[in-house]
């Protein structure tokens, strides 16, 4: 049985000015599993979550939520589906 991943991120890049924070990040998040994003302060953990929730736009790469590109969701629909509490 094949299940659609909840999130799929591929080849994400993001910078704050000249400071590169995410460089070619890819991951898959499947339902029913627990995940942890671990790293030192300032390494991009919150930025990755903000991109996955649609709060920030990556410089390149894409995010799929339940099989659809998050760009296909309206802001209101995405806000009803995904919540991020930092």
PDB file of N, CA and C in Angstrom:
ATOM      1  N   UNK A   1       0.846  -1.181   0.000  1.00  0.00           N
ATOM      2  CA  UNK A   1       0.000   0.000   0.000  1.00  0.00           C
ATOM      3  C   UNK A   1       0.890   1.243   0.000  1.00  0.00           C
ATOM      4  N   UNK A   2       0.698   2.105  -0.955  1.00  0.00           N
ATOM      5  CA  UNK A   2       1.485   3.331  -1.072  1.00  0.00           C
ATOM      6  C   UNK A   2       0.689   4.507  -0.542  1.00  0.00           C
ATOM      7  N   UNK A   3       1.277   5.238   0.413  1.00  0.00           N
ATOM      8  CA  UNK A   3       0.623   6.417   0.968  1.00  0.00           C
ATOM      9  C   UNK A   3       1.371   7.660   0.521  1.00  0.00           C
ATOM     10  N   UNK A   4       0.621   8.710   0.233  1.00  0.00           N
ATOM     11  CA  UNK A   4       1.218   9.979  -0.141  1.00  0.00           C
ATOM     12  C   UNK A   4       1.879  10.595   1.094  1.00  0.00           C
ATOM     13  N   UNK A   5       3.149  11.019   0.980  1.00  0.00           N
ATOM     14  CA  UNK A   5       3.795  11.686   2.110  1.00  0.00           C
ATOM     15  C   UNK A   5       3.045  12.960   2.495  1.00  0.00           C
ATOM     16  N   UNK A   6       3.105  13.308   3.777  1.00  0.00           N
ATOM     17  CA  UNK A   6       2.483  14.542   4.235  1.00  0.00           C
ATOM     18  C   UNK A   6       3.240  15.724   3.640  1.00  0.00           C
ATOM     19  N   UNK A   7       4.561  15.707   3.755  1.00  0.00           N
ATOM     20  CA  UNK A   7       5.408  16.753   3.170  1.00  0.00           C
ATOM     21  C   UNK A   7       6.511  16.118   2.354  1.00  0.00           C
ATOM     22  N   UNK A   8       6.854  16.759   1.253  1.00  0.00           N
ATOM     23  CA  UNK A   8       8.040  16.429   0.478  1.00  0.00           C
ATOM     24  C   UNK A   8       8.730  17.748   0.155  1.00  0.00           C
ATOM     25  N   UNK A   9       9.962  17.873   0.559  1.00  0.00           N
ATOM     26  CA  UNK A   9      10.757  19.056   0.240  1.00  0.00           C
ATOM     27  C   UNK A   9      11.890  18.595  -0.659  1.00  0.00           C
ATOM     28  N   UNK A  10      12.145  19.340  -1.712  1.00  0.00           N
ATOM     29  CA  UNK A  10      13.245  18.943  -2.587  1.00  0.00           C
ATOM     30  C   UNK A  10      14.075  20.148  -3.011  1.00  0.00           C
ATOM     31  N   UNK A  11      15.373  19.983  -2.832  1.00  0.00           N
ATOM     32  CA  UNK A  11      16.390  20.938  -3.283  1.00  0.00           C
ATOM     33  C   UNK A  11      16.120  22.369  -2.816  1.00  0.00           C
ATOM     34  N   UNK A  12      15.798  22.534  -1.538  1.00  0.00           N
ATOM     35  CA  UNK A  12      15.499  23.858  -0.990  1.00  0.00           C
ATOM     36  C   UNK A  12      16.769  24.666  -0.767  1.00  0.00           C
ATOM     37  N   UNK A  13      16.708  25.916  -1.163  1.00  0.00           N
ATOM     38  CA  UNK A  13      17.777  26.883  -0.926  1.00  0.00           C
ATOM     39  C   UNK A  13      17.142  28.136  -0.348  1.00  0.00           C
ATOM     40  N   UNK A  14      17.795  28.703   0.681  1.00  0.00           N
ATOM     41  CA  UNK A  14      17.300  29.940   1.278  1.00  0.00           C
ATOM     42  C   UNK A  14      18.467  30.673   1.916  1.00  0.00           C
ATOM     43  N   UNK A  15      18.481  31.993   1.741  1.00  0.00           N
ATOM     44  CA  UNK A  15      19.512  32.844   2.335  1.00  0.00           C
ATOM     45  C   UNK A  15      18.877  34.071   2.946  1.00  0.00           C
ATOM     46  N   UNK A  16      19.536  34.591   3.968  1.00  0.00           N
ATOM     47  CA  UNK A  16      19.213  35.904   4.518  1.00  0.00           C
ATOM     48  C   UNK A  16      20.344  36.808   4.045  1.00  0.00           C
ATOM     49  N   UNK A  17      20.078  37.546   2.971  1.00  0.00           N
ATOM     50  CA  UNK A  17      21.145  38.353   2.386  1.00  0.00           C
ATOM     51  C   UNK A  17      22.243  37.443   1.853  1.00  0.00           C
ATOM     52  N   UNK A  18      23.463  37.653   2.317  1.00  0.00           N
ATOM     53  CA  UNK A  18      24.593  36.842   1.869  1.00  0.00           C
ATOM     54  C   UNK A  18      24.761  35.574   2.702  1.00  0.00           C
ATOM     55  N   UNK A  19      24.011  35.472   3.802  1.00  0.00           N
ATOM     56  CA  UNK A  19      24.123  34.325   4.700  1.00  0.00           C
ATOM     57  C   UNK A  19      23.250  33.169   4.219  1.00  0.00           C
ATOM     58  N   UNK A  20      23.877  32.146   3.639  1.00  0.00           N
ATOM     59  CA  UNK A  20      23.154  30.965   3.180  1.00  0.00           C
ATOM     60  C   UNK A  20      22.733  30.152   4.397  1.00  0.00           C
ATOM     61  N   UNK A  21      21.438  29.847   4.491  1.00  0.00           N
ATOM     62  CA  UNK A  21      20.919  29.105   5.638  1.00  0.00           C
ATOM     63  C   UNK A  21      20.547  27.678   5.236  1.00  0.00           C
ATOM     64  N   UNK A  22      19.848  27.518   4.131  1.00  0.00           N
ATOM     65  CA  UNK A  22      19.498  26.193   3.624  1.00  0.00           C
ATOM     66  C   UNK A  22      20.152  26.010   2.263  1.00  0.00           C
ATOM     67  N   UNK A  23      20.842  24.910   2.091  1.00  0.00           N
ATOM     68  CA  UNK A  23      21.564  24.659   0.842  1.00  0.00           C
ATOM     69  C   UNK A  23      21.284  23.234   0.369  1.00  0.00           C
ATOM     70  N   UNK A  24      20.377  23.110  -0.595  1.00  0.00           N
ATOM     71  CA  UNK A  24      20.047  21.830  -1.213  1.00  0.00           C
ATOM     72  C   UNK A  24      19.467  20.826  -0.209  1.00  0.00           C
ATOM     73  N   UNK A  25      18.467  21.265   0.551  1.00  0.00           N
ATOM     74  CA  UNK A  25      17.821  20.423   1.553  1.00  0.00           C
ATOM     75  C   UNK A  25      16.641  19.679   0.926  1.00  0.00           C
ATOM     76  N   UNK A  26      16.608  18.376   1.133  1.00  0.00           N
ATOM     77  CA  UNK A  26      15.490  17.543   0.687  1.00  0.00           C
ATOM     78  C   UNK A  26      15.083  16.631   1.830  1.00  0.00           C
ATOM     79  N   UNK A  27      13.769  16.417   1.971  1.00  0.00           N
ATOM     80  CA  UNK A  27      13.286  15.497   2.994  1.00  0.00           C
ATOM     81  C   UNK A  27      11.874  15.067   2.675  1.00  0.00           C
ATOM     82  N   UNK A  28      11.480  13.943   3.271  1.00  0.00           N
ATOM     83  CA  UNK A  28      10.124  13.421   3.148  1.00  0.00           C
ATOM     84  C   UNK A  28       9.591  13.166   4.549  1.00  0.00           C
ATOM     85  N   UNK A  29       8.376  13.628   4.810  1.00  0.00           N
ATOM     86  CA  UNK A  29       7.716  13.420   6.100  1.00  0.00           C
ATOM     87  C   UNK A  29       6.467  12.588   5.849  1.00  0.00           C
ATOM     88  N   UNK A  30       6.434  11.425   6.463  1.00  0.00           N
ATOM     89  CA  UNK A  30       5.305  10.520   6.273  1.00  0.00           C
ATOM     90  C   UNK A  30       4.430  10.488   7.518  1.00  0.00           C
ATOM     91  N   UNK A  31       3.146  10.266   7.328  1.00  0.00           N
ATOM     92  CA  UNK A  31       2.189  10.191   8.440  1.00  0.00           C
ATOM     93  C   UNK A  31       2.537   9.029   9.357  1.00  0.00           C
ATOM     94  N   UNK A  32       2.261   9.221  10.644  1.00  0.00           N
ATOM     95  CA  UNK A  32       2.443   8.147  11.602  1.00  0.00           C
ATOM     96  C   UNK A  32       3.838   8.033  12.180  1.00  0.00           C
ATOM     97  N   UNK A  33       4.756   8.904  11.773  1.00  0.00           N
ATOM     98  CA  UNK A  33       6.127   8.883  12.283  1.00  0.00           C
ATOM     99  C   UNK A  33       6.409  10.155  13.061  1.00  0.00           C
ATOM    100  N   UNK A  34       7.383  10.090  13.940  1.00  0.00           N
ATOM    101  CA  UNK A  34       7.854  11.266  14.659  1.00  0.00           C
ATOM    102  C   UNK A  34       9.175  11.696  14.052  1.00  0.00           C
ATOM    103  N   UNK A  35       9.366  13.013  13.928  1.00  0.00           N
ATOM    104  CA  UNK A  35      10.586  13.554  13.347  1.00  0.00           C
ATOM    105  C   UNK A  35      11.156  14.621  14.260  1.00  0.00           C
ATOM    106  N   UNK A  36      12.453  14.793  14.219  1.00  0.00           N
ATOM    107  CA  UNK A  36      13.125  15.859  14.968  1.00  0.00           C
ATOM    108  C   UNK A  36      14.075  16.575  14.027  1.00  0.00           C
ATOM    109  N   UNK A  37      14.122  17.889  14.144  1.00  0.00           N
ATOM    110  CA  UNK A  37      15.094  18.691  13.406  1.00  0.00           C
ATOM    111  C   UNK A  37      16.053  19.227  14.464  1.00  0.00           C
ATOM    112  N   UNK A  38      17.287  18.789  14.384  1.00  0.00           N
ATOM    113  CA  UNK A  38      18.259  19.081  15.427  1.00  0.00           C
ATOM    114  C   UNK A  38      19.442  19.823  14.819  1.00  0.00           C
ATOM    115  N   UNK A  39      19.923  20.827  15.529  1.00  0.00           N
ATOM    116  CA  UNK A  39      21.111  21.550  15.090  1.00  0.00           C
ATOM    117  C   UNK A  39      21.346  22.758  15.967  1.00  0.00           C
ATOM    118  N   UNK A  40      22.494  23.394  15.797  1.00  0.00           N
ATOM    119  CA  UNK A  40      22.819  24.563  16.613  1.00  0.00           C
ATOM    120  C   UNK A  40      21.956  25.767  16.249  1.00  0.00           C
ATOM    121  N   UNK A  41      21.934  26.740  17.135  1.00  0.00           N
ATOM    122  CA  UNK A  41      21.213  27.985  16.870  1.00  0.00           C
ATOM    123  C   UNK A  41      21.688  28.598  15.561  1.00  0.00           C
ATOM    124  N   UNK A  42      20.727  29.090  14.784  1.00  0.00           N
ATOM    125  CA  UNK A  42      21.057  29.786  13.547  1.00  0.00           C
ATOM    126  C   UNK A  42      21.355  28.897  12.360  1.00  0.00           C
ATOM    127  N   UNK A  43      21.117  27.589  12.468  1.00  0.00           N
ATOM    128  CA  UNK A  43      21.454  26.696  11.347  1.00  0.00           C
ATOM    129  C   UNK A  43      20.319  26.547  10.341  1.00  0.00           C
ATOM    130  N   UNK A  44      19.106  27.089  10.643  1.00  0.00           N
ATOM    131  CA  UNK A  44      18.022  27.055   9.668  1.00  0.00           C
ATOM    132  C   UNK A  44      16.845  26.177  10.030  1.00  0.00           C
ATOM    133  N   UNK A  45      16.777  25.677  11.249  1.00  0.00           N
ATOM    134  CA  UNK A  45      15.671  24.796  11.646  1.00  0.00           C
ATOM    135  C   UNK A  45      14.316  25.495  11.521  1.00  0.00           C
ATOM    136  N   UNK A  46      14.197  26.668  12.115  1.00  0.00           N
ATOM    137  CA  UNK A  46      12.936  27.409  12.063  1.00  0.00           C
ATOM    138  C   UNK A  46      12.643  27.893  10.651  1.00  0.00           C
ATOM    139  N   UNK A  47      13.669  28.283   9.926  1.00  0.00           N
ATOM    140  CA  UNK A  47      13.481  28.705   8.530  1.00  0.00           C
ATOM    141  C   UNK A  47      12.914  27.564   7.706  1.00  0.00           C
ATOM    142  N   UNK A  48      13.424  26.357   7.892  1.00  0.00           N
ATOM    143  CA  UNK A  48      12.895  25.184   7.179  1.00  0.00           C
ATOM    144  C   UNK A  48      11.423  24.990   7.506  1.00  0.00           C
ATOM    145  N   UNK A  49      11.065  25.060   8.786  1.00  0.00           N
ATOM    146  CA  UNK A  49       9.658  24.896   9.174  1.00  0.00           C
ATOM    147  C   UNK A  49       8.786  26.015   8.604  1.00  0.00           C
ATOM    148  N   UNK A  50       9.300  27.255   8.597  1.00  0.00           N
ATOM    149  CA  UNK A  50       8.553  28.374   8.006  1.00  0.00           C
ATOM    150  C   UNK A  50       8.311  28.150   6.521  1.00  0.00           C
ATOM    151  N   UNK A  51       9.282  27.613   5.818  1.00  0.00           N
ATOM    152  CA  UNK A  51       9.117  27.320   4.389  1.00  0.00           C
ATOM    153  C   UNK A  51       8.092  26.209   4.202  1.00  0.00           C
ATOM    154  N   UNK A  52       8.185  25.171   5.020  1.00  0.00           N
ATOM    155  CA  UNK A  52       7.247  24.053   4.901  1.00  0.00           C
ATOM    156  C   UNK A  52       5.814  24.480   5.210  1.00  0.00           C
ATOM    157  N   UNK A  53       5.639  25.454   6.102  1.00  0.00           N
ATOM    158  CA  UNK A  53       4.301  25.945   6.453  1.00  0.00           C
ATOM    159  C   UNK A  53       3.799  27.009   5.483  1.00  0.00           C
ATOM    160  N   UNK A  54       4.634  27.411   4.535  1.00  0.00           N
ATOM    161  CA  UNK A  54       4.221  28.417   3.562  1.00  0.00           C
ATOM    162  C   UNK A  54       4.415  29.841   4.037  1.00  0.00           C
ATOM    163  N   UNK A  55       5.105  30.040   5.168  1.00  0.00           N
ATOM    164  CA  UNK A  55       5.334  31.387   5.698  1.00  0.00           C
ATOM    165  C   UNK A  55       6.506  32.100   5.039  1.00  0.00           C
ATOM    166  N   UNK A  56       7.418  31.353   4.460  1.00  0.00           N
ATOM    167  CA  UNK A  56       8.550  31.908   3.717  1.00  0.00           C
ATOM    168  C   UNK A  56       8.620  31.186   2.378  1.00  0.00           C
ATOM    169  N   UNK A  57       9.210  31.841   1.401  1.00  0.00           N
ATOM    170  CA  UNK A  57       9.362  31.260   0.070  1.00  0.00           C
ATOM    171  C   UNK A  57      10.833  30.937  -0.168  1.00  0.00           C
ATOM    172  N   UNK A  58      11.148  29.704  -0.552  1.00  0.00           N
ATOM    173  CA  UNK A  58      12.547  29.375  -0.807  1.00  0.00           C
ATOM    174  C   UNK A  58      13.049  30.074  -2.070  1.00  0.00           C
ATOM    175  N   UNK A  59      14.349  30.278  -2.143  1.00  0.00           N
ATOM    176  CA  UNK A  59      14.951  30.849  -3.348  1.00  0.00           C
ATOM    177  C   UNK A  59      14.800  29.874  -4.516  1.00  0.00           C
ATOM    178  N   UNK A  60      14.926  28.584  -4.208  1.00  0.00           N
ATOM    179  CA  UNK A  60      14.697  27.543  -5.212  1.00  0.00           C
ATOM    180  C   UNK A  60      14.297  26.270  -4.487  1.00  0.00           C
ATOM    181  N   UNK A  61      13.794  25.325  -5.238  1.00  0.00           N
ATOM    182  CA  UNK A  61      13.288  24.087  -4.682  1.00  0.00           C
ATOM    183  C   UNK A  61      11.783  24.169  -4.518  1.00  0.00           C
ATOM    184  N   UNK A  62      11.183  23.080  -4.058  1.00  0.00           N
ATOM    185  CA  UNK A  62       9.737  23.103  -3.864  1.00  0.00           C
ATOM    186  C   UNK A  62       9.313  22.250  -2.680  1.00  0.00           C
ATOM    187  N   UNK A  63       8.102  22.540  -2.220  1.00  0.00           N
ATOM    188  CA  UNK A  63       7.476  21.833  -1.107  1.00  0.00           C
ATOM    189  C   UNK A  63       6.134  21.305  -1.584  1.00  0.00           C
ATOM    190  N   UNK A  64       5.900  20.038  -1.311  1.00  0.00           N
ATOM    191  CA  UNK A  64       4.598  19.443  -1.605  1.00  0.00           C
ATOM    192  C   UNK A  64       3.953  19.058  -0.284  1.00  0.00           C
ATOM    193  N   UNK A  65       2.675  19.374  -0.166  1.00  0.00           N
ATOM    194  CA  UNK A  65       1.888  19.005   1.008  1.00  0.00           C
ATOM    195  C   UNK A  65       0.756  18.109   0.530  1.00  0.00           C
ATOM    196  N   UNK A  66       0.713  16.892   1.025  1.00  0.00           N
ATOM    197  CA  UNK A  66      -0.285  15.893   0.617  1.00  0.00           C
ATOM    198  C   UNK A  66      -0.358  15.749  -0.895  1.00  0.00           C
ATOM    199  N   UNK A  67       0.813  15.779  -1.538  1.00  0.00           N
ATOM    200  CA  UNK A  67       0.912  15.541  -2.970  1.00  0.00           C
ATOM    201  C   UNK A  67       0.794  16.758  -3.859  1.00  0.00           C
ATOM    202  N   UNK A  68       0.401  17.900  -3.308  1.00  0.00           N
ATOM    203  CA  UNK A  68       0.265  19.120  -4.118  1.00  0.00           C
ATOM    204  C   UNK A  68       1.309  20.146  -3.718  1.00  0.00           C
ATOM    205  N   UNK A  69       1.809  20.876  -4.707  1.00  0.00           N
ATOM    206  CA  UNK A  69       2.731  21.970  -4.430  1.00  0.00           C
ATOM    207  C   UNK A  69       2.016  22.985  -3.542  1.00  0.00           C
ATOM    208  N   UNK A  70       2.689  23.464  -2.478  1.00  0.00           N
ATOM    209  CA  UNK A  70       2.004  24.381  -1.571  1.00  0.00           C
ATOM    210  C   UNK A  70       1.610  25.681  -2.259  1.00  0.00           C
ATOM    211  N   UNK A  71       2.215  25.974  -3.405  1.00  0.00           N
ATOM    212  CA  UNK A  71       1.820  27.170  -4.162  1.00  0.00           C
ATOM    213  C   UNK A  71       0.402  27.025  -4.713  1.00  0.00           C
ATOM    214  N   UNK A  72      -0.085  25.794  -4.833  1.00  0.00           N
ATOM    215  CA  UNK A  72      -1.431  25.548  -5.351  1.00  0.00           C
ATOM    216  C   UNK A  72      -2.511  25.781  -4.291  1.00  0.00           C
ATOM    217  N   UNK A  73      -2.094  25.849  -3.023  1.00  0.00           N
ATOM    218  CA  UNK A  73      -3.031  26.140  -1.940  1.00  0.00           C
ATOM    219  C   UNK A  73      -3.140  27.645  -1.774  1.00  0.00           C
ATOM    220  N   UNK A  74      -4.334  28.143  -1.522  1.00  0.00           N
ATOM    221  CA  UNK A  74      -4.486  29.537  -1.153  1.00  0.00           C
ATOM    222  C   UNK A  74      -3.985  29.725   0.267  1.00  0.00           C
ATOM    223  N   UNK A  75      -3.636  30.938   0.638  1.00  0.00           N
ATOM    224  CA  UNK A  75      -3.129  31.220   1.987  1.00  0.00           C
ATOM    225  C   UNK A  75      -4.121  30.773   3.065  1.00  0.00           C
ATOM    226  N   UNK A  76      -5.397  31.042   2.855  1.00  0.00           N
ATOM    227  CA  UNK A  76      -6.420  30.675   3.840  1.00  0.00           C
ATOM    228  C   UNK A  76      -6.516  29.149   3.982  1.00  0.00           C
ATOM    229  N   UNK A  77      -6.557  28.431   2.879  1.00  0.00           N
ATOM    230  CA  UNK A  77      -6.647  26.965   2.908  1.00  0.00           C
ATOM    231  C   UNK A  77      -5.412  26.373   3.572  1.00  0.00           C
ATOM    232  N   UNK A  78      -4.239  26.888   3.233  1.00  0.00           N
ATOM    233  CA  UNK A  78      -3.007  26.388   3.825  1.00  0.00           C
ATOM    234  C   UNK A  78      -2.987  26.652   5.334  1.00  0.00           C
ATOM    235  N   UNK A  79      -3.466  27.817   5.747  1.00  0.00           N
ATOM    236  CA  UNK A  79      -3.520  28.163   7.179  1.00  0.00           C
ATOM    237  C   UNK A  79      -4.471  27.237   7.938  1.00  0.00           C
ATOM    238  N   UNK A  80      -5.495  26.755   7.277  1.00  0.00           N
ATOM    239  CA  UNK A  80      -6.423  25.813   7.923  1.00  0.00           C
ATOM    240  C   UNK A  80      -5.828  24.424   8.040  1.00  0.00           C
ATOM    241  N   UNK A  81      -4.897  24.107   7.162  1.00  0.00           N
ATOM    242  CA  UNK A  81      -4.301  22.784   7.128  1.00  0.00           C
ATOM    243  C   UNK A  81      -3.047  22.654   7.998  1.00  0.00           C
ATOM    244  N   UNK A  82      -2.252  23.728   8.051  1.00  0.00           N
ATOM    245  CA  UNK A  82      -0.928  23.663   8.699  1.00  0.00           C
ATOM    246  C   UNK A  82      -0.831  24.749   9.761  1.00  0.00           C
ATOM    247  N   UNK A  83      -0.392  24.362  10.951  1.00  0.00           N
ATOM    248  CA  UNK A  83      -0.138  25.317  12.021  1.00  0.00           C
ATOM    249  C   UNK A  83       1.293  25.174  12.493  1.00  0.00           C
ATOM    250  N   UNK A  84       1.951  26.283  12.734  1.00  0.00           N
ATOM    251  CA  UNK A  84       3.314  26.286  13.232  1.00  0.00           C
ATOM    252  C   UNK A  84       3.375  27.175  14.459  1.00  0.00           C
ATOM    253  N   UNK A  85       3.784  26.585  15.569  1.00  0.00           N
ATOM    254  CA  UNK A  85       3.941  27.336  16.796  1.00  0.00           C
ATOM    255  C   UNK A  85       5.429  27.234  17.187  1.00  0.00           C
ATOM    256  N   UNK A  86       6.195  28.282  16.896  1.00  0.00           N
ATOM    257  CA  UNK A  86       7.639  28.198  17.200  1.00  0.00           C
ATOM    258  C   UNK A  86       7.903  28.272  18.704  1.00  0.00           C
TER     259      UNK A  86
END
